[in-house]
PDB file of N, CA and C in Angstrom:
ATOM      1  N   UNK A   1       0.757  -1.044  -0.242  1.00  0.00           N
ATOM      2  CA  UNK A   1       0.000   0.024   0.146  1.00  0.00           C
ATOM      3  C   UNK A   1       0.882   1.137   0.121  1.00  0.00           C
ATOM      4  N   UNK A   2       1.841   1.113  -0.025  1.00  0.00           N
ATOM      5  CA  UNK A   2       2.742   2.376   0.073  1.00  0.00           C
ATOM      6  C   UNK A   2       3.794   2.450  -1.202  1.00  0.00           C
ATOM      7  N   UNK A   3       2.964   3.936  -2.019  1.00  0.00           N
ATOM      8  CA  UNK A   3       3.500   4.046  -3.494  1.00  0.00           C
ATOM      9  C   UNK A   3       4.825   4.688  -3.709  1.00  0.00           C
ATOM     10  N   UNK A   4       5.733   4.068  -4.567  1.00  0.00           N
ATOM     11  CA  UNK A   4       6.892   4.686  -4.690  1.00  0.00           C
ATOM     12  C   UNK A   4       6.605   5.794  -5.799  1.00  0.00           C
ATOM     13  N   UNK A   5       6.897   6.878  -5.425  1.00  0.00           N
ATOM     14  CA  UNK A   5       7.429   8.014  -6.943  1.00  0.00           C
ATOM     15  C   UNK A   5       7.937   7.389  -7.803  1.00  0.00           C
ATOM     16  N   UNK A   6       7.932   7.750  -9.262  1.00  0.00           N
ATOM     17  CA  UNK A   6       8.355   7.709 -10.263  1.00  0.00           C
ATOM     18  C   UNK A   6       9.433   6.058 -10.256  1.00  0.00           C
ATOM     19  N   UNK A   7       8.551   5.113 -10.279  1.00  0.00           N
ATOM     20  CA  UNK A   7       8.407   3.445 -10.201  1.00  0.00           C
ATOM     21  C   UNK A   7       9.383   3.031 -11.438  1.00  0.00           C
ATOM     22  N   UNK A   8       8.938   3.627 -12.594  1.00  0.00           N
ATOM     23  CA  UNK A   8       9.522   3.008 -13.990  1.00  0.00           C
ATOM     24  C   UNK A   8      10.924   3.865 -14.022  1.00  0.00           C
ATOM     25  N   UNK A   9      11.111   5.064 -13.535  1.00  0.00           N
ATOM     26  CA  UNK A   9      12.459   5.488 -13.977  1.00  0.00           C
ATOM     27  C   UNK A   9      12.777   6.218 -12.581  1.00  0.00           C
ATOM     28  N   UNK A  10      13.324   5.542 -11.214  1.00  0.00           N
ATOM     29  CA  UNK A  10      13.094   5.891 -10.062  1.00  0.00           C
ATOM     30  C   UNK A  10      14.288   7.386  -9.906  1.00  0.00           C
ATOM     31  N   UNK A  11      14.372   8.185  -9.226  1.00  0.00           N
ATOM     32  CA  UNK A  11      14.995   9.217  -9.130  1.00  0.00           C
ATOM     33  C   UNK A  11      15.827   8.784  -7.816  1.00  0.00           C
ATOM     34  N   UNK A  12      17.227   9.125  -7.728  1.00  0.00           N
ATOM     35  CA  UNK A  12      18.259   8.784  -6.520  1.00  0.00           C
ATOM     36  C   UNK A  12      18.958  10.117  -6.158  1.00  0.00           C
ATOM     37  N   UNK A  13      17.808  10.860  -5.252  1.00  0.00           N
ATOM     38  CA  UNK A  13      18.396  12.489  -4.679  1.00  0.00           C
ATOM     39  C   UNK A  13      19.230  12.226  -3.939  1.00  0.00           C
ATOM     40  N   UNK A  14      20.413  12.657  -4.042  1.00  0.00           N
ATOM     41  CA  UNK A  14      21.843  12.746  -2.668  1.00  0.00           C
ATOM     42  C   UNK A  14      21.988  13.981  -2.298  1.00  0.00           C
ATOM     43  N   UNK A  15      21.261  15.079  -3.079  1.00  0.00           N
ATOM     44  CA  UNK A  15      21.754  16.574  -1.983  1.00  0.00           C
ATOM     45  C   UNK A  15      20.611  17.387  -2.591  1.00  0.00           C
ATOM     46  N   UNK A  16      20.654  18.714  -1.364  1.00  0.00           N
ATOM     47  CA  UNK A  16      19.584  19.632  -1.984  1.00  0.00           C
ATOM     48  C   UNK A  16      20.256  21.014  -1.614  1.00  0.00           C
ATOM     49  N   UNK A  17      19.711  22.214  -2.341  1.00  0.00           N
ATOM     50  CA  UNK A  17      20.022  23.582  -1.941  1.00  0.00           C
ATOM     51  C   UNK A  17      18.849  24.215  -2.683  1.00  0.00           C
ATOM     52  N   UNK A  18      18.679  24.757  -1.015  1.00  0.00           N
ATOM     53  CA  UNK A  18      17.361  26.327  -1.508  1.00  0.00           C
ATOM     54  C   UNK A  18      16.329  25.496  -2.075  1.00  0.00           C
ATOM     55  N   UNK A  19      15.680  25.730  -3.384  1.00  0.00           N
ATOM     56  CA  UNK A  19      14.465  24.962  -3.783  1.00  0.00           C
ATOM     57  C   UNK A  19      15.071  23.844  -4.654  1.00  0.00           C
ATOM     58  N   UNK A  20      15.753  23.602  -4.821  1.00  0.00           N
ATOM     59  CA  UNK A  20      16.513  22.475  -5.764  1.00  0.00           C
ATOM     60  C   UNK A  20      16.986  21.381  -4.945  1.00  0.00           C
ATOM     61  N   UNK A  21      16.866  19.836  -5.703  1.00  0.00           N
ATOM     62  CA  UNK A  21      16.988  18.705  -5.352  1.00  0.00           C
ATOM     63  C   UNK A  21      17.925  18.359  -6.628  1.00  0.00           C
ATOM     64  N   UNK A  22      18.968  17.622  -6.232  1.00  0.00           N
ATOM     65  CA  UNK A  22      20.010  16.995  -7.190  1.00  0.00           C
ATOM     66  C   UNK A  22      20.033  15.505  -7.292  1.00  0.00           C
ATOM     67  N   UNK A  23      19.836  15.013  -8.529  1.00  0.00           N
ATOM     68  CA  UNK A  23      20.244  13.488  -8.204  1.00  0.00           C
ATOM     69  C   UNK A  23      21.634  12.899  -8.108  1.00  0.00           C
ATOM     70  N   UNK A  24      22.037  11.702  -8.460  1.00  0.00           N
ATOM     71  CA  UNK A  24      23.329  11.350  -8.182  1.00  0.00           C
ATOM     72  C   UNK A  24      23.822  11.337  -9.665  1.00  0.00           C
ATOM     73  N   UNK A  25      23.363  11.852 -10.596  1.00  0.00           N
ATOM     74  CA  UNK A  25      23.945  11.949 -12.026  1.00  0.00           C
ATOM     75  C   UNK A  25      24.142  13.541 -12.091  1.00  0.00           C
ATOM     76  N   UNK A  26      23.802  14.451 -11.363  1.00  0.00           N
ATOM     77  CA  UNK A  26      23.833  16.332 -11.375  1.00  0.00           C
ATOM     78  C   UNK A  26      22.909  16.402 -11.677  1.00  0.00           C
ATOM     79  N   UNK A  27      21.782  16.025 -12.186  1.00  0.00           N
ATOM     80  CA  UNK A  27      20.723  16.527 -12.690  1.00  0.00           C
ATOM     81  C   UNK A  27      19.918  17.225 -11.572  1.00  0.00           C
ATOM     82  N   UNK A  28      19.707  18.638 -12.127  1.00  0.00           N
ATOM     83  CA  UNK A  28      18.577  19.590 -11.184  1.00  0.00           C
ATOM     84  C   UNK A  28      17.158  19.356 -11.001  1.00  0.00           C
ATOM     85  N   UNK A  29      16.760  19.456  -9.998  1.00  0.00           N
ATOM     86  CA  UNK A  29      15.210  19.500  -9.983  1.00  0.00           C
ATOM     87  C   UNK A  29      14.757  20.434  -9.216  1.00  0.00           C
ATOM     88  N   UNK A  30      13.878  21.158  -9.910  1.00  0.00           N
ATOM     89  CA  UNK A  30      13.101  22.085  -8.463  1.00  0.00           C
ATOM     90  C   UNK A  30      12.027  21.061  -7.655  1.00  0.00           C
ATOM     91  N   UNK A  31      12.110  21.449  -6.523  1.00  0.00           N
ATOM     92  CA  UNK A  31      11.255  20.337  -5.323  1.00  0.00           C
ATOM     93  C   UNK A  31       9.892  21.286  -5.091  1.00  0.00           C
ATOM     94  N   UNK A  32       8.995  20.622  -5.611  1.00  0.00           N
ATOM     95  CA  UNK A  32       7.473  20.989  -5.352  1.00  0.00           C
ATOM     96  C   UNK A  32       7.017  20.146  -4.298  1.00  0.00           C
ATOM     97  N   UNK A  33       7.369  19.197  -3.485  1.00  0.00           N
ATOM     98  CA  UNK A  33       6.767  18.334  -2.709  1.00  0.00           C
ATOM     99  C   UNK A  33       6.956  18.322  -1.398  1.00  0.00           C
ATOM    100  N   UNK A  34       8.281  18.708  -1.077  1.00  0.00           N
ATOM    101  CA  UNK A  34       8.708  18.831   0.225  1.00  0.00           C
ATOM    102  C   UNK A  34       8.268  20.201   0.989  1.00  0.00           C
ATOM    103  N   UNK A  35       8.802  20.195   2.201  1.00  0.00           N
ATOM    104  CA  UNK A  35       8.543  21.535   2.962  1.00  0.00           C
ATOM    105  C   UNK A  35       9.367  22.784   2.339  1.00  0.00           C
ATOM    106  N   UNK A  36      10.028  22.820   1.157  1.00  0.00           N
ATOM    107  CA  UNK A  36      10.743  23.668   0.778  1.00  0.00           C
ATOM    108  C   UNK A  36      10.371  24.990   0.630  1.00  0.00           C
ATOM    109  N   UNK A  37       9.211  25.463   0.740  1.00  0.00           N
ATOM    110  CA  UNK A  37       8.601  26.618   0.552  1.00  0.00           C
ATOM    111  C   UNK A  37       8.899  27.619   2.011  1.00  0.00           C
ATOM    112  N   UNK A  38       8.773  26.824   3.089  1.00  0.00           N
ATOM    113  CA  UNK A  38       9.365  27.610   4.141  1.00  0.00           C
ATOM    114  C   UNK A  38      10.401  28.149   4.164  1.00  0.00           C
ATOM    115  N   UNK A  39      11.816  27.383   4.017  1.00  0.00           N
ATOM    116  CA  UNK A  39      12.915  28.315   3.862  1.00  0.00           C
ATOM    117  C   UNK A  39      14.040  27.446   3.161  1.00  0.00           C
ATOM    118  N   UNK A  40      13.647  26.573   2.344  1.00  0.00           N
ATOM    119  CA  UNK A  40      14.553  25.589   1.273  1.00  0.00           C
ATOM    120  C   UNK A  40      15.503  24.809   1.757  1.00  0.00           C
ATOM    121  N   UNK A  41      16.142  24.154   1.131  1.00  0.00           N
ATOM    122  CA  UNK A  41      17.047  23.167   1.654  1.00  0.00           C
ATOM    123  C   UNK A  41      18.293  23.684   2.210  1.00  0.00           C
ATOM    124  N   UNK A  42      19.177  23.343   2.880  1.00  0.00           N
ATOM    125  CA  UNK A  42      20.308  23.501   3.712  1.00  0.00           C
ATOM    126  C   UNK A  42      20.267  25.217   3.478  1.00  0.00           C
ATOM    127  N   UNK A  43      19.438  25.701   4.124  1.00  0.00           N
ATOM    128  CA  UNK A  43      19.389  27.251   4.481  1.00  0.00           C
ATOM    129  C   UNK A  43      20.237  27.273   6.010  1.00  0.00           C
ATOM    130  N   UNK A  44      21.182  28.291   5.517  1.00  0.00           N
ATOM    131  CA  UNK A  44      22.643  28.554   6.575  1.00  0.00           C
ATOM    132  C   UNK A  44      22.164  29.012   7.912  1.00  0.00           C
ATOM    133  N   UNK A  45      20.861  29.599   7.951  1.00  0.00           N
ATOM    134  CA  UNK A  45      20.436  30.243   9.394  1.00  0.00           C
ATOM    135  C   UNK A  45      19.604  28.700  10.297  1.00  0.00           C
ATOM    136  N   UNK A  46      19.095  28.013   9.183  1.00  0.00           N
ATOM    137  CA  UNK A  46      18.607  26.882   9.957  1.00  0.00           C
ATOM    138  C   UNK A  46      19.557  25.803  10.331  1.00  0.00           C
ATOM    139  N   UNK A  47      20.520  25.647   9.608  1.00  0.00           N
ATOM    140  CA  UNK A  47      21.488  25.034   9.862  1.00  0.00           C
ATOM    141  C   UNK A  47      22.331  25.366  11.102  1.00  0.00           C
ATOM    142  N   UNK A  48      22.551  26.583  11.072  1.00  0.00           N
ATOM    143  CA  UNK A  48      23.565  27.073  12.067  1.00  0.00           C
ATOM    144  C   UNK A  48      22.429  26.924  13.404  1.00  0.00           C
ATOM    145  N   UNK A  49      20.986  27.437  13.136  1.00  0.00           N
ATOM    146  CA  UNK A  49      20.282  27.088  14.923  1.00  0.00           C
ATOM    147  C   UNK A  49      20.359  25.599  15.236  1.00  0.00           C
ATOM    148  N   UNK A  50      20.210  24.769  14.162  1.00  0.00           N
ATOM    149  CA  UNK A  50      20.112  23.007  14.579  1.00  0.00           C
ATOM    150  C   UNK A  50      21.358  22.887  14.921  1.00  0.00           C
ATOM    151  N   UNK A  51      22.316  23.006  14.509  1.00  0.00           N
ATOM    152  CA  UNK A  51      24.051  22.919  14.915  1.00  0.00           C
ATOM    153  C   UNK A  51      23.812  23.292  16.430  1.00  0.00           C
ATOM    154  N   UNK A  52      23.279  24.623  16.614  1.00  0.00           N
ATOM    155  CA  UNK A  52      23.712  25.349  18.302  1.00  0.00           C
ATOM    156  C   UNK A  52      22.691  24.429  18.752  1.00  0.00           C
ATOM    157  N   UNK A  53      21.551  24.131  18.694  1.00  0.00           N
ATOM    158  CA  UNK A  53      20.753  23.078  19.425  1.00  0.00           C
ATOM    159  C   UNK A  53      21.448  21.901  19.583  1.00  0.00           C
ATOM    160  N   UNK A  54      21.560  21.044  18.423  1.00  0.00           N
ATOM    161  CA  UNK A  54      22.197  19.627  18.807  1.00  0.00           C
ATOM    162  C   UNK A  54      23.501  19.659  19.788  1.00  0.00           C
ATOM    163  N   UNK A  55      24.385  20.821  19.603  1.00  0.00           N
ATOM    164  CA  UNK A  55      25.293  20.606  20.280  1.00  0.00           C
ATOM    165  C   UNK A  55      25.077  20.696  22.143  1.00  0.00           C
ATOM    166  N   UNK A  56      23.797  21.355  22.089  1.00  0.00           N
ATOM    167  CA  UNK A  56      23.326  21.265  23.743  1.00  0.00           C
ATOM    168  C   UNK A  56      22.721  20.213  24.041  1.00  0.00           C
ATOM    169  N   UNK A  57      21.968  19.887  23.219  1.00  0.00           N
ATOM    170  CA  UNK A  57      21.092  18.537  23.400  1.00  0.00           C
ATOM    171  C   UNK A  57      20.367  18.388  21.883  1.00  0.00           C
ATOM    172  N   UNK A  58      19.898  16.818  21.788  1.00  0.00           N
ATOM    173  CA  UNK A  58      19.460  16.638  20.697  1.00  0.00           C
ATOM    174  C   UNK A  58      18.604  15.464  21.134  1.00  0.00           C
ATOM    175  N   UNK A  59      17.163  15.782  20.912  1.00  0.00           N
ATOM    176  CA  UNK A  59      16.163  15.122  21.513  1.00  0.00           C
ATOM    177  C   UNK A  59      15.021  15.835  20.766  1.00  0.00           C
ATOM    178  N   UNK A  60      13.879  15.157  21.434  1.00  0.00           N
ATOM    179  CA  UNK A  60      12.398  15.695  20.520  1.00  0.00           C
ATOM    180  C   UNK A  60      11.963  16.137  21.652  1.00  0.00           C
ATOM    181  N   UNK A  61      10.191  16.305  21.775  1.00  0.00           N
ATOM    182  CA  UNK A  61       9.811  16.953  22.675  1.00  0.00           C
ATOM    183  C   UNK A  61       8.746  16.301  23.620  1.00  0.00           C
ATOM    184  N   UNK A  62       9.165  15.079  23.850  1.00  0.00           N
ATOM    185  CA  UNK A  62       8.459  14.378  24.812  1.00  0.00           C
ATOM    186  C   UNK A  62       9.090  14.753  26.355  1.00  0.00           C
ATOM    187  N   UNK A  63      10.294  15.445  26.321  1.00  0.00           N
ATOM    188  CA  UNK A  63      10.798  15.539  27.640  1.00  0.00           C
ATOM    189  C   UNK A  63      10.693  17.304  27.734  1.00  0.00           C
ATOM    190  N   UNK A  64      10.570  17.480  28.863  1.00  0.00           N
ATOM    191  CA  UNK A  64       9.892  19.162  29.394  1.00  0.00           C
ATOM    192  C   UNK A  64      11.317  19.669  29.372  1.00  0.00           C
ATOM    193  N   UNK A  65      10.973  20.831  28.611  1.00  0.00           N
ATOM    194  CA  UNK A  65      12.585  22.068  28.203  1.00  0.00           C
ATOM    195  C   UNK A  65      11.964  23.483  28.164  1.00  0.00           C
ATOM    196  N   UNK A  66      12.638  24.493  29.045  1.00  0.00           N
ATOM    197  CA  UNK A  66      12.284  25.227  29.170  1.00  0.00           C
ATOM    198  C   UNK A  66      11.763  26.090  27.648  1.00  0.00           C
ATOM    199  N   UNK A  67      12.521  25.859  26.488  1.00  0.00           N
ATOM    200  CA  UNK A  67      12.624  26.118  24.866  1.00  0.00           C
ATOM    201  C   UNK A  67      10.894  26.150  24.464  1.00  0.00           C
ATOM    202  N   UNK A  68      10.598  25.044  24.889  1.00  0.00           N
ATOM    203  CA  UNK A  68       9.550  24.185  24.184  1.00  0.00           C
ATOM    204  C   UNK A  68       8.613  25.609  24.948  1.00  0.00           C
ATOM    205  N   UNK A  69       8.399  25.710  25.959  1.00  0.00           N
ATOM    206  CA  UNK A  69       7.279  26.616  26.466  1.00  0.00           C
ATOM    207  C   UNK A  69       7.821  27.767  26.097  1.00  0.00           C
ATOM    208  N   UNK A  70       8.706  28.797  26.124  1.00  0.00           N
ATOM    209  CA  UNK A  70       9.247  29.896  25.513  1.00  0.00           C
ATOM    210  C   UNK A  70       8.376  29.649  24.040  1.00  0.00           C
ATOM    211  N   UNK A  71       8.654  28.980  23.330  1.00  0.00           N
ATOM    212  CA  UNK A  71       7.858  29.021  21.908  1.00  0.00           C
ATOM    213  C   UNK A  71       6.906  28.652  21.942  1.00  0.00           C
ATOM    214  N   UNK A  72       6.297  28.053  22.675  1.00  0.00           N
ATOM    215  CA  UNK A  72       4.658  28.143  22.442  1.00  0.00           C
ATOM    216  C   UNK A  72       4.095  29.332  23.029  1.00  0.00           C
ATOM    217  N   UNK A  73       4.679  30.109  23.967  1.00  0.00           N
ATOM    218  CA  UNK A  73       4.164  31.775  24.714  1.00  0.00           C
ATOM    219  C   UNK A  73       4.404  32.809  23.291  1.00  0.00           C
ATOM    220  N   UNK A  74       4.998  32.430  22.744  1.00  0.00           N
ATOM    221  CA  UNK A  74       5.830  32.995  21.652  1.00  0.00           C
ATOM    222  C   UNK A  74       4.644  32.845  20.250  1.00  0.00           C
ATOM    223  N   UNK A  75       4.530  31.789  20.336  1.00  0.00           N
ATOM    224  CA  UNK A  75       3.270  31.631  19.285  1.00  0.00           C
ATOM    225  C   UNK A  75       2.286  31.701  19.409  1.00  0.00           C
ATOM    226  N   UNK A  76       1.615  31.410  20.701  1.00  0.00           N
ATOM    227  CA  UNK A  76       0.242  31.632  20.812  1.00  0.00           C
ATOM    228  C   UNK A  76       0.044  33.067  21.055  1.00  0.00           C
ATOM    229  N   UNK A  77       1.107  33.953  21.369  1.00  0.00           N
ATOM    230  CA  UNK A  77       0.881  35.509  21.332  1.00  0.00           C
ATOM    231  C   UNK A  77       0.261  36.088  19.941  1.00  0.00           C
ATOM    232  N   UNK A  78       0.458  35.378  18.828  1.00  0.00           N
ATOM    233  CA  UNK A  78       0.678  35.867  17.703  1.00  0.00           C
ATOM    234  C   UNK A  78      -0.949  35.563  17.021  1.00  0.00           C
ATOM    235  N   UNK A  79      -1.511  35.104  17.691  1.00  0.00           N
ATOM    236  CA  UNK A  79      -3.012  33.950  17.932  1.00  0.00           C
ATOM    237  C   UNK A  79      -4.237  34.585  18.456  1.00  0.00           C
ATOM    238  N   UNK A  80      -5.137  34.403  17.943  1.00  0.00           N
ATOM    239  CA  UNK A  80      -6.461  34.701  18.293  1.00  0.00           C
ATOM    240  C   UNK A  80      -6.306  34.169  20.095  1.00  0.00           C
ATOM    241  N   UNK A  81      -7.194  34.589  21.028  1.00  0.00           N
ATOM    242  CA  UNK A  81      -7.088  33.993  22.142  1.00  0.00           C
ATOM    243  C   UNK A  81      -7.740  32.763  22.522  1.00  0.00           C
ATOM    244  N   UNK A  82      -8.535  32.116  21.804  1.00  0.00           N
ATOM    245  CA  UNK A  82      -9.134  30.779  21.773  1.00  0.00           C
ATOM    246  C   UNK A  82      -8.298  30.060  21.187  1.00  0.00           C
ATOM    247  N   UNK A  83      -7.142  30.302  20.694  1.00  0.00           N
ATOM    248  CA  UNK A  83      -5.722  29.280  20.242  1.00  0.00           C
ATOM    249  C   UNK A  83      -4.863  29.446  21.100  1.00  0.00           C
ATOM    250  N   UNK A  84      -4.771  29.089  22.211  1.00  0.00           N
ATOM    251  CA  UNK A  84      -3.883  29.349  23.206  1.00  0.00           C
ATOM    252  C   UNK A  84      -3.229  27.907  23.852  1.00  0.00           C
ATOM    253  N   UNK A  85      -3.552  26.881  22.872  1.00  0.00           N
ATOM    254  CA  UNK A  85      -2.544  25.466  23.313  1.00  0.00           C
ATOM    255  C   UNK A  85      -2.025  24.958  22.203  1.00  0.00           C
ATOM    256  N   UNK A  86      -0.805  24.575  22.614  1.00  0.00           N
ATOM    257  CA  UNK A  86       0.576  23.984  21.329  1.00  0.00           C
ATOM    258  C   UNK A  86       0.580  22.451  21.623  1.00  0.00           C
ATOM    259  N   UNK A  87       0.206  21.618  20.628  1.00  0.00           N
ATOM    260  CA  UNK A  87       0.726  20.446  20.343  1.00  0.00           C
ATOM    261  C   UNK A  87       1.972  20.395  19.570  1.00  0.00           C
ATOM    262  N   UNK A  88       3.235  19.921  19.773  1.00  0.00           N
ATOM    263  CA  UNK A  88       4.702  20.037  19.129  1.00  0.00           C
ATOM    264  C   UNK A  88       4.630  18.362  18.774  1.00  0.00           C
ATOM    265  N   UNK A  89       4.563  18.333  17.451  1.00  0.00           N
ATOM    266  CA  UNK A  89       4.457  16.896  16.634  1.00  0.00           C
ATOM    267  C   UNK A  89       5.343  17.129  15.821  1.00  0.00           C
ATOM    268  N   UNK A  90       6.164  15.842  15.108  1.00  0.00           N
ATOM    269  CA  UNK A  90       7.349  15.580  14.460  1.00  0.00           C
ATOM    270  C   UNK A  90       6.953  15.737  12.922  1.00  0.00           C
ATOM    271  N   UNK A  91       5.997  15.521  12.455  1.00  0.00           N
ATOM    272  CA  UNK A  91       5.192  15.118  11.063  1.00  0.00           C
ATOM    273  C   UNK A  91       3.789  15.067  10.673  1.00  0.00           C
ATOM    274  N   UNK A  92       3.694  15.406  10.007  1.00  0.00           N
ATOM    275  CA  UNK A  92       2.222  15.633   9.340  1.00  0.00           C
ATOM    276  C   UNK A  92       1.202  14.382   9.389  1.00  0.00           C
ATOM    277  N   UNK A  93       2.082  12.841   9.642  1.00  0.00           N
ATOM    278  CA  UNK A  93       1.394  11.794  10.237  1.00  0.00           C
ATOM    279  C   UNK A  93       0.978  11.843  11.984  1.00  0.00           C
ATOM    280  N   UNK A  94       2.108  12.225  12.140  1.00  0.00           N
ATOM    281  CA  UNK A  94       1.897  12.361  13.723  1.00  0.00           C
ATOM    282  C   UNK A  94       0.653  13.373  13.924  1.00  0.00           C
ATOM    283  N   UNK A  95       0.461  14.748  13.296  1.00  0.00           N
ATOM    284  CA  UNK A  95      -0.466  15.834  13.557  1.00  0.00           C
ATOM    285  C   UNK A  95      -1.889  15.508  13.362  1.00  0.00           C
ATOM    286  N   UNK A  96      -1.920  14.534  12.162  1.00  0.00           N
ATOM    287  CA  UNK A  96      -3.119  13.732  11.689  1.00  0.00           C
ATOM    288  C   UNK A  96      -3.540  12.702  13.047  1.00  0.00           C
ATOM    289  N   UNK A  97      -2.543  12.036  13.290  1.00  0.00           N
ATOM    290  CA  UNK A  97      -3.244  11.229  14.616  1.00  0.00           C
ATOM    291  C   UNK A  97      -3.710  11.772  15.653  1.00  0.00           C
ATOM    292  N   UNK A  98      -2.622  12.568  16.213  1.00  0.00           N
ATOM    293  CA  UNK A  98      -3.538  13.741  17.133  1.00  0.00           C
ATOM    294  C   UNK A  98      -4.444  14.067  16.883  1.00  0.00           C
ATOM    295  N   UNK A  99      -5.013  14.613  15.593  1.00  0.00           N
ATOM    296  CA  UNK A  99      -6.304  15.530  15.671  1.00  0.00           C
ATOM    297  C   UNK A  99      -7.605  14.594  15.607  1.00  0.00           C
ATOM    298  N   UNK A 100      -7.215  13.489  15.004  1.00  0.00           N
ATOM    299  CA  UNK A 100      -8.138  12.235  15.008  1.00  0.00           C
ATOM    300  C   UNK A 100      -8.375  11.908  16.810  1.00  0.00           C
ATOM    301  N   UNK A 101      -7.099  11.702  17.468  1.00  0.00           N
ATOM    302  CA  UNK A 101      -7.496  11.117  19.092  1.00  0.00           C
ATOM    303  C   UNK A 101      -8.151  12.073  19.635  1.00  0.00           C
ATOM    304  N   UNK A 102      -7.770  13.675  19.435  1.00  0.00           N
ATOM    305  CA  UNK A 102      -8.479  14.856  20.040  1.00  0.00           C
ATOM    306  C   UNK A 102      -9.952  14.906  19.769  1.00  0.00           C
ATOM    307  N   UNK A 103     -10.373  14.513  18.225  1.00  0.00           N
ATOM    308  CA  UNK A 103     -11.545  14.625  17.867  1.00  0.00           C
ATOM    309  C   UNK A 103     -12.725  13.256  18.780  1.00  0.00           C
ATOM    310  N   UNK A 104     -12.164  12.257  18.455  1.00  0.00           N
ATOM    311  CA  UNK A 104     -12.445  11.358  19.283  1.00  0.00           C
ATOM    312  C   UNK A 104     -13.016  11.401  20.405  1.00  0.00           C
ATOM    313  N   UNK A 105     -11.620  12.199  21.350  1.00  0.00           N
ATOM    314  CA  UNK A 105     -11.993  12.232  22.679  1.00  0.00           C
ATOM    315  C   UNK A 105     -13.349  13.345  22.965  1.00  0.00           C
ATOM    316  N   UNK A 106     -13.272  14.363  22.285  1.00  0.00           N
ATOM    317  CA  UNK A 106     -13.957  15.518  22.564  1.00  0.00           C
ATOM    318  C   UNK A 106     -15.729  15.002  22.212  1.00  0.00           C
ATOM    319  N   UNK A 107     -15.651  14.192  21.283  1.00  0.00           N
ATOM    320  CA  UNK A 107     -17.178  13.923  20.607  1.00  0.00           C
ATOM    321  C   UNK A 107     -17.426  12.305  20.988  1.00  0.00           C
ATOM    322  N   UNK A 108     -16.347  11.874  21.416  1.00  0.00           N
ATOM    323  CA  UNK A 108     -17.125  10.579  22.234  1.00  0.00           C
ATOM    324  C   UNK A 108     -17.295   9.488  20.820  1.00  0.00           C
ATOM    325  N   UNK A 109     -16.882   9.493  19.785  1.00  0.00           N
ATOM    326  CA  UNK A 109     -17.173   8.757  18.627  1.00  0.00           C
ATOM    327  C   UNK A 109     -15.842   8.347  18.045  1.00  0.00           C
ATOM    328  N   UNK A 110     -15.877   7.317  17.392  1.00  0.00           N
ATOM    329  CA  UNK A 110     -14.935   6.564  16.631  1.00  0.00           C
ATOM    330  C   UNK A 110     -15.129   6.448  15.161  1.00  0.00           C
ATOM    331  N   UNK A 111     -16.205   6.856  14.464  1.00  0.00           N
ATOM    332  CA  UNK A 111     -16.351   6.711  12.850  1.00  0.00           C
ATOM    333  C   UNK A 111     -15.569   8.135  12.465  1.00  0.00           C
ATOM    334  N   UNK A 112     -14.924   7.743  11.060  1.00  0.00           N
ATOM    335  CA  UNK A 112     -14.137   8.647  10.667  1.00  0.00           C
ATOM    336  C   UNK A 112     -14.623   8.418   9.374  1.00  0.00           C
ATOM    337  N   UNK A 113     -14.744   9.907   8.610  1.00  0.00           N
ATOM    338  CA  UNK A 113     -14.921   9.499   6.924  1.00  0.00           C
ATOM    339  C   UNK A 113     -13.642  10.207   6.612  1.00  0.00           C
ATOM    340  N   UNK A 114     -13.214   9.473   5.900  1.00  0.00           N
ATOM    341  CA  UNK A 114     -12.102  10.382   4.746  1.00  0.00           C
ATOM    342  C   UNK A 114     -12.447  10.551   3.301  1.00  0.00           C
ATOM    343  N   UNK A 115     -11.581  11.020   2.379  1.00  0.00           N
ATOM    344  CA  UNK A 115     -11.911  11.264   1.041  1.00  0.00           C
ATOM    345  C   UNK A 115     -10.251  10.949   0.321  1.00  0.00           C
ATOM    346  N   UNK A 116     -10.454  10.381  -0.803  1.00  0.00           N
ATOM    347  CA  UNK A 116      -9.288  10.117  -1.392  1.00  0.00           C
ATOM    348  C   UNK A 116      -8.821  11.349  -2.406  1.00  0.00           C
TER     349      UNK A 116
END
């Protein structure tokens, strides 16, 4: 049930920079699939910030840390008052799973309708 993109002529992407990805033959492709719209691949600011954080602590959000609270406060300060709770997840799949669990808890129903 897992679909492979480009099954007949698979791409072997080996690196990326900005909005482009490069295959093992040096061919350049415009990345229209990943989250490249945010800051692009290999963005120097993001690399510097990530490196600085990983030099201090490289973990996920399951453990308490002041930076999570500070980020949540900064984020919610930009939103309407009703949007005052943050859930930090590491992927779209995890976000969808959490949203489904929250909806089931709130409504007490287990049924789901999905569209393809």
